[in-house]
N, C-alpha and C. Protein backbone atom coordinates (compact mmCIF):
# COMPACT_ATOMS: atom_id res chain seq x y z
N MET A 1 10.26 -7.22 16.25
CA MET A 1 10.78 -6.73 14.91
C MET A 1 9.36 -6.52 14.13
N HIS A 2 9.65 -5.57 13.23
CA HIS A 2 8.63 -5.09 12.04
C HIS A 2 9.20 -5.10 10.75
N ASP A 3 8.28 -5.63 9.87
CA ASP A 3 8.51 -5.63 8.34
C ASP A 3 7.27 -4.71 7.69
N THR A 4 7.81 -3.37 7.50
CA THR A 4 6.68 -2.59 6.72
C THR A 4 6.43 -2.55 5.44
N HIS A 5 7.15 -3.60 4.74
CA HIS A 5 6.89 -3.61 3.34
C HIS A 5 7.36 -5.20 2.94
N CYS A 6 6.44 -5.99 2.94
CA CYS A 6 6.51 -7.42 2.54
C CYS A 6 5.54 -7.85 1.56
N HIS A 7 6.10 -8.38 0.30
CA HIS A 7 5.14 -8.87 -0.37
C HIS A 7 4.95 -10.39 -0.34
N VAL A 8 4.05 -10.69 0.66
CA VAL A 8 3.68 -12.00 1.25
C VAL A 8 3.11 -12.92 -0.22
N ASP A 9 2.21 -12.05 -0.80
CA ASP A 9 1.38 -12.69 -1.90
C ASP A 9 2.39 -13.30 -2.98
N GLN A 10 3.54 -12.86 -3.19
CA GLN A 10 4.55 -13.30 -3.96
C GLN A 10 5.33 -14.18 -3.57
N HIS A 11 5.22 -14.68 -2.27
CA HIS A 11 6.22 -15.78 -1.93
C HIS A 11 5.61 -16.85 -2.40
N LYS A 12 6.51 -18.15 -2.52
CA LYS A 12 6.01 -19.35 -2.97
C LYS A 12 5.07 -19.95 -2.21
N GLU A 13 5.14 -19.91 -0.91
CA GLU A 13 4.04 -20.28 -0.01
C GLU A 13 3.52 -19.27 1.21
N PRO A 14 2.73 -18.27 0.36
CA PRO A 14 2.38 -17.16 1.35
C PRO A 14 1.56 -17.67 2.72
N GLU A 15 0.77 -18.55 2.73
CA GLU A 15 0.15 -19.08 3.88
C GLU A 15 1.18 -19.56 4.96
N ASN A 16 2.05 -20.29 4.65
CA ASN A 16 3.09 -20.74 5.68
C ASN A 16 3.72 -19.63 5.92
N LEU A 17 4.16 -18.32 5.08
CA LEU A 17 5.18 -17.40 5.57
C LEU A 17 4.38 -16.63 6.60
N CYS A 18 3.06 -16.43 6.29
CA CYS A 18 2.10 -15.54 7.29
C CYS A 18 1.96 -16.20 8.68
N ARG A 19 1.78 -17.74 8.59
CA ARG A 19 1.99 -18.44 9.91
C ARG A 19 3.02 -18.40 10.79
N GLU A 20 4.29 -18.24 9.94
CA GLU A 20 5.46 -18.34 10.57
C GLU A 20 5.82 -16.90 11.32
N LEU A 21 5.67 -15.78 10.43
CA LEU A 21 5.67 -14.45 10.99
C LEU A 21 4.79 -14.22 12.13
N GLU A 22 3.39 -14.94 12.16
CA GLU A 22 2.41 -14.64 13.15
C GLU A 22 3.17 -15.30 14.43
N ALA A 23 3.49 -16.62 14.34
CA ALA A 23 4.17 -17.33 15.32
C ALA A 23 5.43 -16.66 15.93
N LYS A 24 5.94 -16.00 15.22
CA LYS A 24 7.45 -15.25 15.84
C LYS A 24 6.94 -13.75 16.27
N GLU A 25 5.77 -13.40 15.91
CA GLU A 25 5.13 -11.97 16.68
C GLU A 25 5.93 -11.03 15.84
N ILE A 26 6.07 -11.26 14.53
CA ILE A 26 6.79 -10.29 13.53
C ILE A 26 5.91 -9.19 12.88
N TYR A 27 5.56 -8.04 13.37
CA TYR A 27 4.64 -7.14 12.74
C TYR A 27 4.97 -7.12 11.33
N THR A 28 4.00 -7.17 10.27
CA THR A 28 4.22 -7.20 9.01
C THR A 28 3.20 -6.74 8.33
N ILE A 29 3.63 -5.53 7.46
CA ILE A 29 2.45 -5.11 6.63
C ILE A 29 2.73 -5.86 5.15
N ALA A 30 1.49 -6.48 4.86
CA ALA A 30 1.71 -7.23 3.52
C ALA A 30 1.22 -6.35 2.56
N VAL A 31 1.92 -5.78 1.85
CA VAL A 31 1.39 -4.85 0.81
C VAL A 31 1.02 -5.71 -0.28
N THR A 32 0.02 -5.18 -1.29
CA THR A 32 -0.49 -5.68 -2.24
C THR A 32 -0.24 -4.87 -3.28
N ASN A 33 -0.29 -5.25 -4.55
CA ASN A 33 -0.02 -4.48 -5.70
C ASN A 33 -1.36 -3.82 -6.56
N LEU A 34 -2.37 -4.52 -6.10
CA LEU A 34 -3.53 -4.18 -6.87
C LEU A 34 -4.80 -4.53 -5.71
N PRO A 35 -6.07 -3.80 -5.96
CA PRO A 35 -7.00 -4.26 -5.22
C PRO A 35 -7.58 -5.44 -5.33
N SER A 36 -7.49 -5.95 -6.33
CA SER A 36 -7.89 -7.56 -6.68
C SER A 36 -7.20 -8.32 -5.79
N HIS A 37 -5.79 -8.07 -5.51
CA HIS A 37 -4.97 -8.92 -4.95
C HIS A 37 -5.39 -8.66 -3.28
N TYR A 38 -5.50 -7.53 -2.94
CA TYR A 38 -5.94 -7.36 -1.56
C TYR A 38 -7.10 -8.04 -1.16
N ALA A 39 -8.08 -7.94 -2.04
CA ALA A 39 -9.58 -8.55 -1.63
C ALA A 39 -8.97 -10.09 -1.47
N LEU A 40 -8.14 -10.70 -1.92
CA LEU A 40 -7.87 -12.20 -1.80
C LEU A 40 -7.07 -12.45 -0.50
N THR A 41 -6.68 -11.28 0.07
CA THR A 41 -5.91 -11.48 1.33
C THR A 41 -6.73 -11.33 2.56
N LEU A 42 -7.77 -10.68 2.42
CA LEU A 42 -8.72 -10.27 3.66
C LEU A 42 -8.97 -11.56 4.41
N ALA A 43 -9.71 -12.53 3.96
CA ALA A 43 -10.30 -13.66 4.47
C ALA A 43 -8.94 -14.46 5.24
N PRO A 44 -7.96 -14.74 4.48
CA PRO A 44 -6.74 -15.55 5.12
C PRO A 44 -6.29 -14.78 6.32
N LEU A 45 -6.23 -13.46 6.31
CA LEU A 45 -5.55 -12.76 7.10
C LEU A 45 -6.29 -12.02 8.42
N LYS A 46 -7.63 -12.49 8.17
CA LYS A 46 -8.45 -11.65 9.23
C LYS A 46 -8.25 -11.84 10.76
N ASN A 47 -7.85 -13.23 10.99
CA ASN A 47 -7.53 -13.39 12.45
C ASN A 47 -5.96 -13.33 12.89
N PHE A 48 -5.35 -12.60 12.16
CA PHE A 48 -3.93 -12.49 12.29
C PHE A 48 -3.93 -11.11 13.16
N LYS A 49 -2.85 -11.25 14.34
CA LYS A 49 -2.57 -10.09 14.88
C LYS A 49 -1.58 -9.22 14.28
N TYR A 50 -0.38 -9.89 13.76
CA TYR A 50 0.92 -9.38 13.38
C TYR A 50 0.92 -9.18 11.98
N VAL A 51 0.33 -9.96 11.35
CA VAL A 51 0.37 -9.67 9.62
C VAL A 51 -0.91 -9.30 9.44
N ARG A 52 -0.90 -7.87 8.74
CA ARG A 52 -1.93 -7.23 8.12
C ARG A 52 -1.86 -6.73 6.86
N PRO A 53 -2.90 -6.97 5.91
CA PRO A 53 -2.86 -6.80 4.58
C PRO A 53 -2.92 -5.22 4.30
N ALA A 54 -2.22 -4.63 3.25
CA ALA A 54 -2.41 -3.21 2.96
C ALA A 54 -2.93 -3.10 1.62
N LEU A 55 -3.90 -2.50 1.38
CA LEU A 55 -4.36 -2.16 0.12
C LEU A 55 -3.43 -1.29 -0.75
N GLY A 56 -3.06 -1.73 -2.11
CA GLY A 56 -2.00 -1.08 -2.79
C GLY A 56 -2.43 -0.95 -4.18
N LEU A 57 -2.05 -0.04 -4.98
CA LEU A 57 -2.06 0.39 -6.41
C LEU A 57 -0.57 0.52 -6.98
N HIS A 58 0.15 -0.48 -7.05
CA HIS A 58 1.42 -0.12 -7.60
C HIS A 58 1.73 0.74 -8.84
N PRO A 59 2.54 1.53 -8.76
CA PRO A 59 2.63 2.64 -9.82
C PRO A 59 3.18 2.08 -11.10
N LEU A 60 4.10 1.00 -11.10
CA LEU A 60 4.38 0.31 -12.17
C LEU A 60 3.65 -0.74 -13.04
N LEU A 61 2.30 -0.73 -12.24
CA LEU A 61 1.28 -1.41 -12.94
C LEU A 61 0.19 -0.30 -13.31
N ALA A 62 0.32 0.72 -13.52
CA ALA A 62 -0.54 1.64 -13.81
C ALA A 62 -1.26 1.40 -15.27
N SER A 63 -0.62 0.74 -15.97
CA SER A 63 -1.64 0.30 -17.15
C SER A 63 -2.80 -0.66 -16.87
N ARG A 64 -2.77 -1.24 -15.76
CA ARG A 64 -3.61 -2.26 -15.23
C ARG A 64 -4.76 -1.37 -14.21
N HIS A 65 -4.48 -0.08 -13.89
CA HIS A 65 -5.17 0.79 -12.97
C HIS A 65 -6.70 0.80 -13.07
N ALA A 66 -6.83 1.17 -14.56
CA ALA A 66 -8.35 1.56 -14.99
C ALA A 66 -9.35 0.76 -14.30
N ALA A 67 -9.02 -0.93 -14.56
CA ALA A 67 -9.91 -1.85 -14.09
C ALA A 67 -9.95 -1.99 -12.58
N GLU A 68 -8.97 -1.22 -11.85
CA GLU A 68 -8.96 -1.53 -10.64
C GLU A 68 -9.32 -0.11 -9.38
N LEU A 69 -9.40 0.75 -10.20
CA LEU A 69 -9.79 2.00 -9.50
C LEU A 69 -10.91 2.19 -8.61
N THR A 70 -12.35 1.66 -9.02
CA THR A 70 -13.50 1.75 -8.38
C THR A 70 -13.22 0.83 -7.18
N ALA A 71 -12.39 -0.60 -7.41
CA ALA A 71 -12.25 -1.30 -6.30
C ALA A 71 -11.42 -0.78 -5.28
N PHE A 72 -10.42 0.27 -5.55
CA PHE A 72 -9.63 0.75 -4.67
C PHE A 72 -10.28 1.73 -3.89
N GLU A 73 -11.19 2.54 -4.54
CA GLU A 73 -12.06 3.34 -3.70
C GLU A 73 -12.93 2.66 -2.69
N ARG A 74 -13.57 1.69 -3.06
CA ARG A 74 -14.67 1.10 -2.31
C ARG A 74 -13.86 0.54 -1.35
N LEU A 75 -12.68 -0.27 -1.38
CA LEU A 75 -11.83 -0.97 -0.44
C LEU A 75 -11.22 0.10 0.74
N SER A 76 -10.98 1.15 0.00
CA SER A 76 -10.08 2.17 1.08
C SER A 76 -11.09 2.56 2.21
N ARG A 77 -12.31 2.43 1.74
CA ARG A 77 -13.17 3.03 2.97
C ARG A 77 -13.00 2.11 4.33
N SER A 78 -12.79 0.79 4.24
CA SER A 78 -12.54 -0.19 5.18
C SER A 78 -11.28 -0.54 5.37
N ALA A 79 -10.30 -0.28 4.62
CA ALA A 79 -8.89 -0.77 4.65
C ALA A 79 -8.26 -0.19 6.00
N GLU A 80 -7.70 -1.17 6.55
CA GLU A 80 -6.86 -0.52 8.09
C GLU A 80 -5.51 0.05 7.31
N LEU A 81 -4.90 -0.58 6.43
CA LEU A 81 -3.78 -0.08 6.04
C LEU A 81 -3.72 0.08 4.47
N ILE A 82 -2.90 1.16 4.13
CA ILE A 82 -2.79 1.63 2.52
C ILE A 82 -1.39 1.52 2.21
N GLY A 83 -0.86 0.95 1.42
CA GLY A 83 0.48 0.85 1.03
C GLY A 83 0.66 0.61 -0.50
N GLU A 84 2.16 0.80 -0.81
CA GLU A 84 2.41 0.33 -2.16
C GLU A 84 1.68 1.41 -3.12
N VAL A 85 1.48 2.40 -2.71
CA VAL A 85 1.04 3.75 -3.73
C VAL A 85 1.82 4.59 -4.07
N GLY A 86 1.69 5.58 -4.99
CA GLY A 86 2.84 6.88 -5.32
C GLY A 86 3.05 6.90 -6.67
N LEU A 87 4.22 7.37 -6.82
CA LEU A 87 4.74 7.53 -8.10
C LEU A 87 6.35 7.01 -8.27
N ASP A 88 6.66 6.31 -9.48
CA ASP A 88 7.74 5.92 -9.79
C ASP A 88 8.19 6.16 -11.05
N PHE A 89 9.19 7.22 -11.52
CA PHE A 89 9.65 7.67 -12.54
C PHE A 89 11.03 7.23 -12.85
N LEU A 90 11.56 6.38 -12.19
CA LEU A 90 12.75 6.06 -11.95
C LEU A 90 13.30 5.11 -13.01
N THR A 91 12.36 4.34 -13.64
CA THR A 91 12.66 3.35 -14.73
C THR A 91 12.05 3.64 -15.90
N PRO A 92 12.43 2.94 -17.03
CA PRO A 92 12.00 3.19 -18.18
C PRO A 92 10.37 2.85 -18.21
N ALA A 93 9.98 1.94 -17.64
CA ALA A 93 8.76 1.50 -17.47
C ALA A 93 7.91 2.64 -16.60
N GLY A 94 8.47 3.12 -15.55
CA GLY A 94 7.81 4.22 -15.10
C GLY A 94 7.71 5.53 -15.70
N ILE A 95 8.74 5.74 -16.56
CA ILE A 95 8.55 6.93 -17.52
C ILE A 95 7.57 6.84 -18.35
N LYS A 96 7.44 5.51 -18.88
CA LYS A 96 6.42 5.42 -20.01
C LYS A 96 4.97 5.63 -19.60
N THR A 97 4.85 5.03 -18.13
CA THR A 97 3.45 5.31 -17.68
C THR A 97 3.20 6.55 -16.69
N LYS A 98 4.18 7.50 -16.78
CA LYS A 98 4.12 8.77 -15.97
C LYS A 98 2.58 9.38 -15.92
N GLU A 99 2.10 9.48 -16.86
CA GLU A 99 0.63 10.04 -16.86
C GLU A 99 -0.43 9.22 -16.35
N LEU A 100 -0.32 8.02 -16.78
CA LEU A 100 -1.14 7.05 -16.09
C LEU A 100 -0.95 6.89 -14.49
N GLN A 101 0.16 7.14 -13.97
CA GLN A 101 0.50 6.96 -12.52
C GLN A 101 -0.04 8.38 -11.93
N ILE A 102 0.23 9.49 -12.53
CA ILE A 102 -0.20 10.57 -11.95
C ILE A 102 -1.99 10.58 -11.74
N GLN A 103 -2.47 10.12 -12.81
CA GLN A 103 -4.04 9.89 -12.89
C GLN A 103 -4.49 9.05 -11.40
N SER A 104 -3.85 8.00 -11.47
CA SER A 104 -4.05 6.99 -10.19
C SER A 104 -3.72 7.53 -9.11
N PHE A 105 -2.70 8.14 -8.73
CA PHE A 105 -2.23 8.70 -7.60
C PHE A 105 -3.15 9.77 -7.18
N ARG A 106 -3.77 10.71 -8.03
CA ARG A 106 -4.76 11.69 -7.74
C ARG A 106 -5.81 10.96 -7.25
N HIS A 107 -6.51 9.68 -7.90
CA HIS A 107 -7.53 9.31 -7.32
C HIS A 107 -7.08 8.46 -6.05
N VAL A 108 -6.08 8.05 -5.77
CA VAL A 108 -5.82 7.65 -4.35
C VAL A 108 -5.78 8.62 -3.42
N LEU A 109 -5.50 9.75 -3.71
CA LEU A 109 -5.30 10.94 -2.85
C LEU A 109 -6.72 11.33 -2.53
N LYS A 110 -7.48 11.13 -3.44
CA LYS A 110 -9.14 11.86 -3.21
C LYS A 110 -9.94 10.51 -2.49
N CYS A 111 -9.44 9.41 -2.29
CA CYS A 111 -10.14 8.44 -1.70
C CYS A 111 -10.57 8.64 -0.33
N PRO A 112 -11.60 8.09 0.31
CA PRO A 112 -12.06 8.15 1.49
C PRO A 112 -11.00 7.24 2.73
N HIS A 113 -9.50 7.39 2.51
CA HIS A 113 -8.91 6.53 3.36
C HIS A 113 -8.74 7.16 4.69
N GLN A 114 -8.82 8.49 4.89
CA GLN A 114 -8.80 9.06 6.31
C GLN A 114 -7.86 8.89 7.23
N GLY A 115 -6.85 8.56 6.73
CA GLY A 115 -5.56 7.75 7.45
C GLY A 115 -4.45 8.44 7.65
N ARG A 116 -3.78 8.03 8.38
CA ARG A 116 -2.33 8.79 8.67
C ARG A 116 -1.34 8.53 7.31
N ILE A 117 -0.56 9.81 7.09
CA ILE A 117 0.43 9.51 5.97
C ILE A 117 1.71 9.55 6.49
N SER A 118 2.34 8.33 6.34
CA SER A 118 3.84 8.49 6.78
C SER A 118 4.86 8.59 5.68
N GLN A 119 5.96 9.32 6.04
CA GLN A 119 6.88 9.46 4.94
C GLN A 119 8.29 8.74 5.25
N ASP A 120 8.08 8.42 6.46
CA ASP A 120 9.26 7.82 7.07
C ASP A 120 9.26 6.07 7.43
N PHE A 121 9.60 5.51 6.39
CA PHE A 121 9.63 4.06 6.24
C PHE A 121 10.62 3.29 7.34
N GLY A 122 11.76 3.93 7.54
CA GLY A 122 12.47 3.38 8.64
C GLY A 122 11.83 3.44 10.27
N ARG A 123 10.64 3.97 10.37
CA ARG A 123 9.98 3.87 11.86
C ARG A 123 8.96 2.99 11.50
N ALA A 124 9.25 1.71 11.46
CA ALA A 124 8.28 0.59 11.33
C ALA A 124 7.31 0.68 12.60
N ASN A 125 7.72 0.91 13.74
CA ASN A 125 6.89 1.03 14.95
C ASN A 125 5.56 1.83 14.94
N GLN A 126 5.68 2.80 13.82
CA GLN A 126 4.32 3.78 13.59
C GLN A 126 3.21 2.94 13.60
N TRP A 127 3.36 1.80 12.74
CA TRP A 127 2.17 0.96 12.72
C TRP A 127 1.56 0.55 13.75
N ALA A 128 2.74 -0.18 14.68
CA ALA A 128 2.33 -0.71 15.67
C ALA A 128 1.79 0.10 16.88
N LEU A 129 2.38 1.35 16.90
CA LEU A 129 1.94 2.30 17.68
C LEU A 129 0.48 3.29 17.49
N ALA A 130 0.30 3.03 16.19
CA ALA A 130 -0.56 4.04 15.71
C ALA A 130 -1.96 3.96 16.23
N GLY A 131 -2.39 2.76 17.04
CA GLY A 131 -3.50 2.37 17.54
C GLY A 131 -4.64 2.49 16.47
N PRO A 132 -5.95 2.77 16.92
CA PRO A 132 -7.15 2.63 15.95
C PRO A 132 -6.88 3.58 14.80
N GLY A 133 -7.52 3.34 13.86
CA GLY A 133 -7.51 4.27 12.72
C GLY A 133 -6.53 3.58 11.54
N LYS A 134 -6.03 4.19 10.61
CA LYS A 134 -5.42 3.70 9.68
C LYS A 134 -3.98 4.39 9.39
N PHE A 135 -3.07 3.54 8.80
CA PHE A 135 -1.77 4.05 8.31
C PHE A 135 -1.58 4.02 6.89
N LEU A 136 -1.44 5.27 6.29
CA LEU A 136 -1.03 5.13 4.94
C LEU A 136 0.25 5.29 4.60
N SER A 137 0.67 4.23 4.08
CA SER A 137 2.04 4.06 3.59
C SER A 137 2.48 4.45 2.34
N MET A 138 3.17 5.79 1.93
CA MET A 138 3.19 6.19 0.63
C MET A 138 4.76 5.75 0.00
N GLY A 139 4.62 4.32 -0.27
CA GLY A 139 5.98 3.64 -0.66
C GLY A 139 6.74 4.57 -1.76
N HIS A 140 6.10 4.69 -2.72
CA HIS A 140 6.89 5.24 -4.08
C HIS A 140 6.83 6.53 -4.01
N ALA A 141 6.21 7.37 -3.37
CA ALA A 141 6.15 8.58 -3.28
C ALA A 141 7.16 9.12 -2.20
N SER A 142 7.75 8.33 -1.49
CA SER A 142 8.44 8.64 -0.31
C SER A 142 9.70 9.09 -0.68
N SER A 143 10.44 8.79 -1.94
CA SER A 143 11.90 9.34 -2.02
C SER A 143 11.66 10.80 -2.55
N ALA A 144 10.61 11.18 -3.09
CA ALA A 144 10.08 12.72 -3.42
C ALA A 144 9.76 13.35 -2.34
N GLY A 145 8.90 12.63 -1.36
CA GLY A 145 8.22 13.16 -0.38
C GLY A 145 6.74 13.34 -0.60
N VAL A 146 5.90 13.43 0.38
CA VAL A 146 4.43 13.24 0.14
C VAL A 146 4.04 14.63 -0.44
N SER A 147 4.45 15.96 0.05
CA SER A 147 4.16 17.01 -0.54
C SER A 147 4.51 17.17 -2.22
N MET A 148 5.70 16.64 -2.18
CA MET A 148 6.29 16.85 -3.55
C MET A 148 5.29 16.01 -4.56
N ALA A 149 4.98 14.71 -3.97
CA ALA A 149 4.29 13.83 -4.83
C ALA A 149 2.84 14.49 -5.00
N ALA A 150 2.17 14.93 -3.96
CA ALA A 150 0.91 15.93 -4.36
C ALA A 150 0.97 16.88 -5.13
N ASN A 151 2.18 17.71 -4.97
CA ASN A 151 2.36 18.83 -5.82
C ASN A 151 2.24 18.30 -7.25
N THR A 152 2.98 17.28 -7.50
CA THR A 152 2.92 16.50 -9.03
C THR A 152 1.74 16.34 -9.51
N CYS A 153 1.06 15.90 -8.69
CA CYS A 153 -0.45 15.73 -8.96
C CYS A 153 -1.65 17.02 -8.99
N GLY A 154 -1.07 18.19 -8.51
CA GLY A 154 -2.04 19.26 -8.83
C GLY A 154 -2.66 19.40 -7.48
N LEU A 155 -2.36 18.72 -6.27
CA LEU A 155 -3.04 18.67 -5.13
C LEU A 155 -2.21 19.43 -3.97
N PRO A 156 -3.22 20.26 -3.01
CA PRO A 156 -2.53 20.96 -2.01
C PRO A 156 -1.82 20.25 -1.12
């Protein structure tokens, strides 16, 4: 079994949840909303095989991104997984931060992640089968597609 989008850090007992997922051998991408949250998950999940943290920059938290962009760039160099990034203009909060989201997403796309970009979240086994390297999960861009999101940001 695979879970490609789990906010483990928002669970009431994240450590217990991770131990349970690990014991049941459930591949889980533990997405984080901000680089500061990701940094906190690295040590506790270091020796886990099935539960892996994903560096994130949640679009609906765009008002907090300015303080996190440098950390995102630094952490993206070594992050195994990147997820919870993209654009979200479907809600009033998303529309209000549209320009900030676009600026942040441009930054994400230019970071040295050198990973695979997936538009298909129904294929959770991509992570398990990806082998060495990185898997970039474009969660909020997926509804429009990666190329459309990149075009919105003025990128090829």
